Amino acid sequence: MDVTSETNAKKDPIKGRAALRILDGVDQLHVTKGQRVVRVDLRKQRPSDEELLALLLGPSGNLRAPTVRRGRQLVVGFHEPTYRSVLC
């Protein structure tokens, strides 16, 4: 996989409502919280901004890391099986 853009979350954190902008052009959202993986099809039913922010932001109010976008899919948090299915 070729990386076209990389941002250091410690130097340039994405805070609060600005995190919603990363969903532009995203159809599938995969969010890992602990051992639970939440999958959201944004084409069929887009949750409210508040629900999306609850998924995207960590306790600090910043976009959770790691966050990876491939095509029209966005993966937030680390879950190896999800990474394998989206990135391979």
N, C-alpha and C. Protein backbone atom coordinates (compact mmCIF):
# COMPACT_ATOMS: atom_id res chain seq x y z
N MET A 1 0.85 -1.17 0.00
CA MET A 1 0.00 0.00 0.00
C MET A 1 0.89 1.23 0.00
N ASP A 2 0.59 2.18 -0.85
CA ASP A 2 1.31 3.44 -0.89
C ASP A 2 0.65 4.45 0.04
N VAL A 3 1.45 5.15 0.81
CA VAL A 3 0.95 6.19 1.70
C VAL A 3 0.98 7.51 0.94
N THR A 4 -0.18 8.17 0.84
CA THR A 4 -0.23 9.44 0.11
C THR A 4 -0.21 10.63 1.06
N SER A 5 -0.58 10.41 2.31
CA SER A 5 -0.59 11.50 3.27
C SER A 5 -0.43 10.91 4.67
N GLU A 6 0.40 11.57 5.48
CA GLU A 6 0.60 11.12 6.85
C GLU A 6 0.68 12.34 7.74
N THR A 7 -0.01 12.27 8.89
CA THR A 7 -0.01 13.38 9.84
C THR A 7 0.37 12.84 11.21
N ASN A 8 1.26 13.54 11.89
CA ASN A 8 1.66 13.18 13.23
C ASN A 8 0.62 13.74 14.20
N ALA A 9 -0.14 12.86 14.83
CA ALA A 9 -1.23 13.28 15.71
C ALA A 9 -0.73 14.03 16.95
N LYS A 10 0.51 13.80 17.34
CA LYS A 10 1.04 14.52 18.51
C LYS A 10 1.39 15.96 18.15
N LYS A 11 1.87 16.18 16.92
CA LYS A 11 2.23 17.53 16.50
C LYS A 11 1.04 18.32 15.98
N ASP A 12 0.15 17.65 15.27
CA ASP A 12 -1.01 18.31 14.67
C ASP A 12 -2.29 17.55 14.99
N PRO A 13 -2.74 17.59 16.26
CA PRO A 13 -3.95 16.83 16.61
C PRO A 13 -5.19 17.41 15.93
N ILE A 14 -6.12 16.53 15.62
CA ILE A 14 -7.41 16.95 15.08
C ILE A 14 -8.36 16.93 16.26
N LYS A 15 -8.89 18.10 16.59
CA LYS A 15 -9.67 18.26 17.81
C LYS A 15 -11.15 18.48 17.53
N GLY A 16 -11.98 17.98 18.43
CA GLY A 16 -13.41 18.27 18.44
C GLY A 16 -14.11 18.04 17.12
N ARG A 17 -14.95 18.99 16.75
CA ARG A 17 -15.80 18.87 15.57
C ARG A 17 -14.99 18.81 14.27
N ALA A 18 -13.74 19.24 14.29
CA ALA A 18 -12.90 19.16 13.09
C ALA A 18 -12.72 17.71 12.65
N ALA A 19 -12.89 16.77 13.58
CA ALA A 19 -12.75 15.35 13.25
C ALA A 19 -13.82 14.90 12.26
N LEU A 20 -14.94 15.57 12.21
CA LEU A 20 -16.01 15.19 11.28
C LEU A 20 -15.58 15.38 9.83
N ARG A 21 -14.64 16.29 9.58
CA ARG A 21 -14.19 16.55 8.21
C ARG A 21 -13.49 15.35 7.59
N ILE A 22 -12.90 14.50 8.42
CA ILE A 22 -12.21 13.33 7.85
C ILE A 22 -13.20 12.32 7.28
N LEU A 23 -14.48 12.49 7.56
CA LEU A 23 -15.49 11.58 7.04
C LEU A 23 -15.94 11.94 5.63
N ASP A 24 -15.48 13.08 5.11
CA ASP A 24 -15.85 13.47 3.74
C ASP A 24 -15.38 12.39 2.76
N GLY A 25 -16.29 11.85 1.98
CA GLY A 25 -15.95 10.83 1.00
C GLY A 25 -15.82 9.43 1.58
N VAL A 26 -16.15 9.24 2.85
CA VAL A 26 -16.06 7.93 3.49
C VAL A 26 -17.43 7.26 3.48
N ASP A 27 -17.47 6.01 3.04
CA ASP A 27 -18.71 5.23 3.04
C ASP A 27 -18.78 4.25 4.21
N GLN A 28 -17.63 3.68 4.58
CA GLN A 28 -17.57 2.68 5.64
C GLN A 28 -16.65 3.16 6.75
N LEU A 29 -17.17 3.15 7.98
CA LEU A 29 -16.39 3.55 9.16
C LEU A 29 -16.24 2.33 10.06
N HIS A 30 -15.02 2.03 10.46
CA HIS A 30 -14.72 0.93 11.37
C HIS A 30 -14.03 1.54 12.58
N VAL A 31 -14.62 1.39 13.77
CA VAL A 31 -14.06 1.98 14.98
C VAL A 31 -13.86 0.90 16.03
N THR A 32 -12.64 0.82 16.55
CA THR A 32 -12.32 -0.13 17.62
C THR A 32 -12.30 0.61 18.94
N LYS A 33 -13.05 0.09 19.88
CA LYS A 33 -13.04 0.61 21.26
C LYS A 33 -12.86 -0.59 22.16
N GLY A 34 -11.65 -0.75 22.70
CA GLY A 34 -11.35 -1.95 23.48
C GLY A 34 -11.34 -3.15 22.55
N GLN A 35 -12.09 -4.17 22.87
CA GLN A 35 -12.18 -5.36 22.02
C GLN A 35 -13.39 -5.31 21.08
N ARG A 36 -14.17 -4.25 21.18
CA ARG A 36 -15.39 -4.11 20.39
C ARG A 36 -15.10 -3.33 19.11
N VAL A 37 -15.64 -3.80 17.99
CA VAL A 37 -15.49 -3.10 16.72
C VAL A 37 -16.87 -2.66 16.27
N VAL A 38 -17.01 -1.36 16.02
CA VAL A 38 -18.27 -0.80 15.54
C VAL A 38 -18.10 -0.49 14.06
N ARG A 39 -18.99 -1.02 13.24
CA ARG A 39 -18.94 -0.77 11.80
C ARG A 39 -20.18 0.04 11.43
N VAL A 40 -19.95 1.13 10.71
CA VAL A 40 -21.05 2.02 10.33
C VAL A 40 -21.01 2.21 8.82
N ASP A 41 -22.13 1.93 8.16
CA ASP A 41 -22.27 2.18 6.73
C ASP A 41 -22.86 3.58 6.60
N LEU A 42 -22.02 4.55 6.31
CA LEU A 42 -22.46 5.95 6.27
C LEU A 42 -23.36 6.25 5.08
N ARG A 43 -23.39 5.37 4.08
CA ARG A 43 -24.29 5.58 2.94
C ARG A 43 -25.72 5.24 3.31
N LYS A 44 -25.90 4.21 4.13
CA LYS A 44 -27.24 3.74 4.47
C LYS A 44 -27.87 4.54 5.60
N GLN A 45 -27.10 4.75 6.65
CA GLN A 45 -27.65 5.47 7.80
C GLN A 45 -26.52 6.20 8.51
N ARG A 46 -26.49 7.50 8.36
CA ARG A 46 -25.44 8.29 9.00
C ARG A 46 -25.92 8.70 10.40
N PRO A 47 -25.16 8.31 11.44
CA PRO A 47 -25.51 8.72 12.80
C PRO A 47 -25.40 10.25 12.95
N SER A 48 -25.91 10.75 14.04
CA SER A 48 -25.81 12.19 14.32
C SER A 48 -24.34 12.56 14.51
N ASP A 49 -24.05 13.85 14.37
CA ASP A 49 -22.68 14.33 14.58
C ASP A 49 -22.18 13.97 15.98
N GLU A 50 -23.06 14.05 16.97
CA GLU A 50 -22.65 13.74 18.35
C GLU A 50 -22.28 12.27 18.49
N GLU A 51 -23.04 11.38 17.84
CA GLU A 51 -22.73 9.96 17.89
C GLU A 51 -21.41 9.67 17.17
N LEU A 52 -21.20 10.31 16.04
CA LEU A 52 -19.95 10.13 15.30
C LEU A 52 -18.76 10.63 16.11
N LEU A 53 -18.91 11.79 16.74
CA LEU A 53 -17.82 12.33 17.55
C LEU A 53 -17.50 11.40 18.72
N ALA A 54 -18.51 10.77 19.30
CA ALA A 54 -18.28 9.83 20.40
C ALA A 54 -17.44 8.65 19.92
N LEU A 55 -17.59 8.27 18.65
CA LEU A 55 -16.79 7.18 18.09
C LEU A 55 -15.39 7.63 17.71
N LEU A 56 -15.26 8.84 17.17
CA LEU A 56 -14.00 9.31 16.61
C LEU A 56 -13.03 9.88 17.64
N LEU A 57 -13.55 10.49 18.71
CA LEU A 57 -12.69 11.21 19.65
C LEU A 57 -12.37 10.38 20.88
N GLY A 58 -11.15 10.55 21.36
CA GLY A 58 -10.73 9.91 22.60
C GLY A 58 -11.06 10.79 23.78
N PRO A 59 -10.65 10.38 24.99
CA PRO A 59 -10.93 11.15 26.20
C PRO A 59 -10.35 12.56 26.18
N SER A 60 -9.28 12.76 25.41
CA SER A 60 -8.64 14.08 25.34
C SER A 60 -9.40 15.05 24.43
N GLY A 61 -10.37 14.52 23.68
CA GLY A 61 -11.10 15.36 22.72
C GLY A 61 -10.45 15.41 21.35
N ASN A 62 -9.39 14.63 21.18
CA ASN A 62 -8.68 14.56 19.90
C ASN A 62 -9.10 13.30 19.14
N LEU A 63 -8.91 13.34 17.82
CA LEU A 63 -9.16 12.16 16.99
C LEU A 63 -8.31 11.02 17.51
N ARG A 64 -8.95 9.87 17.68
CA ARG A 64 -8.24 8.70 18.19
C ARG A 64 -7.23 8.19 17.18
N ALA A 65 -6.15 7.63 17.68
CA ALA A 65 -5.10 7.11 16.82
C ALA A 65 -4.93 5.62 17.11
N PRO A 66 -4.49 4.87 16.14
CA PRO A 66 -4.24 5.29 14.76
C PRO A 66 -5.54 5.42 13.98
N THR A 67 -5.51 6.26 12.98
CA THR A 67 -6.62 6.41 12.05
C THR A 67 -6.05 6.25 10.65
N VAL A 68 -6.67 5.34 9.89
CA VAL A 68 -6.18 5.04 8.54
C VAL A 68 -7.35 5.10 7.58
N ARG A 69 -7.11 5.76 6.45
CA ARG A 69 -8.12 5.80 5.40
C ARG A 69 -7.59 5.07 4.17
N ARG A 70 -8.42 4.20 3.64
CA ARG A 70 -8.09 3.52 2.39
C ARG A 70 -9.32 3.61 1.50
N GLY A 71 -9.19 4.36 0.44
CA GLY A 71 -10.33 4.55 -0.45
C GLY A 71 -11.47 5.22 0.28
N ARG A 72 -12.60 4.56 0.32
CA ARG A 72 -13.79 5.12 0.96
C ARG A 72 -14.06 4.50 2.33
N GLN A 73 -13.00 3.87 2.90
CA GLN A 73 -13.12 3.26 4.23
C GLN A 73 -12.19 3.97 5.21
N LEU A 74 -12.67 4.13 6.43
CA LEU A 74 -11.88 4.75 7.49
C LEU A 74 -11.83 3.80 8.67
N VAL A 75 -10.62 3.57 9.18
CA VAL A 75 -10.44 2.71 10.35
C VAL A 75 -9.88 3.57 11.48
N VAL A 76 -10.56 3.55 12.62
CA VAL A 76 -10.14 4.33 13.79
C VAL A 76 -9.86 3.35 14.92
N GLY A 77 -8.67 3.46 15.51
CA GLY A 77 -8.27 2.53 16.55
C GLY A 77 -7.62 1.32 15.92
N PHE A 78 -7.00 0.47 16.75
CA PHE A 78 -6.29 -0.69 16.20
C PHE A 78 -6.99 -1.98 16.56
N HIS A 79 -7.30 -2.75 15.53
CA HIS A 79 -7.86 -4.10 15.66
C HIS A 79 -7.31 -4.87 14.47
N GLU A 80 -6.37 -5.77 14.74
CA GLU A 80 -5.64 -6.43 13.65
C GLU A 80 -6.53 -7.08 12.59
N PRO A 81 -7.57 -7.84 12.97
CA PRO A 81 -8.43 -8.42 11.92
C PRO A 81 -9.10 -7.37 11.03
N THR A 82 -9.46 -6.24 11.59
CA THR A 82 -10.06 -5.17 10.80
C THR A 82 -9.03 -4.58 9.84
N TYR A 83 -7.82 -4.36 10.33
CA TYR A 83 -6.76 -3.85 9.46
C TYR A 83 -6.50 -4.82 8.30
N ARG A 84 -6.47 -6.10 8.60
CA ARG A 84 -6.24 -7.10 7.55
C ARG A 84 -7.34 -7.06 6.50
N SER A 85 -8.59 -6.95 6.95
CA SER A 85 -9.70 -6.97 5.99
C SER A 85 -9.78 -5.69 5.17
N VAL A 86 -9.42 -4.58 5.74
CA VAL A 86 -9.53 -3.30 5.01
C VAL A 86 -8.28 -3.02 4.18
N LEU A 87 -7.12 -3.32 4.71
CA LEU A 87 -5.88 -2.93 4.06
C LEU A 87 -5.30 -3.98 3.11
N CYS A 88 -5.73 -5.21 3.20
CA CYS A 88 -5.18 -6.27 2.35
C CYS A 88 -6.08 -6.57 1.16
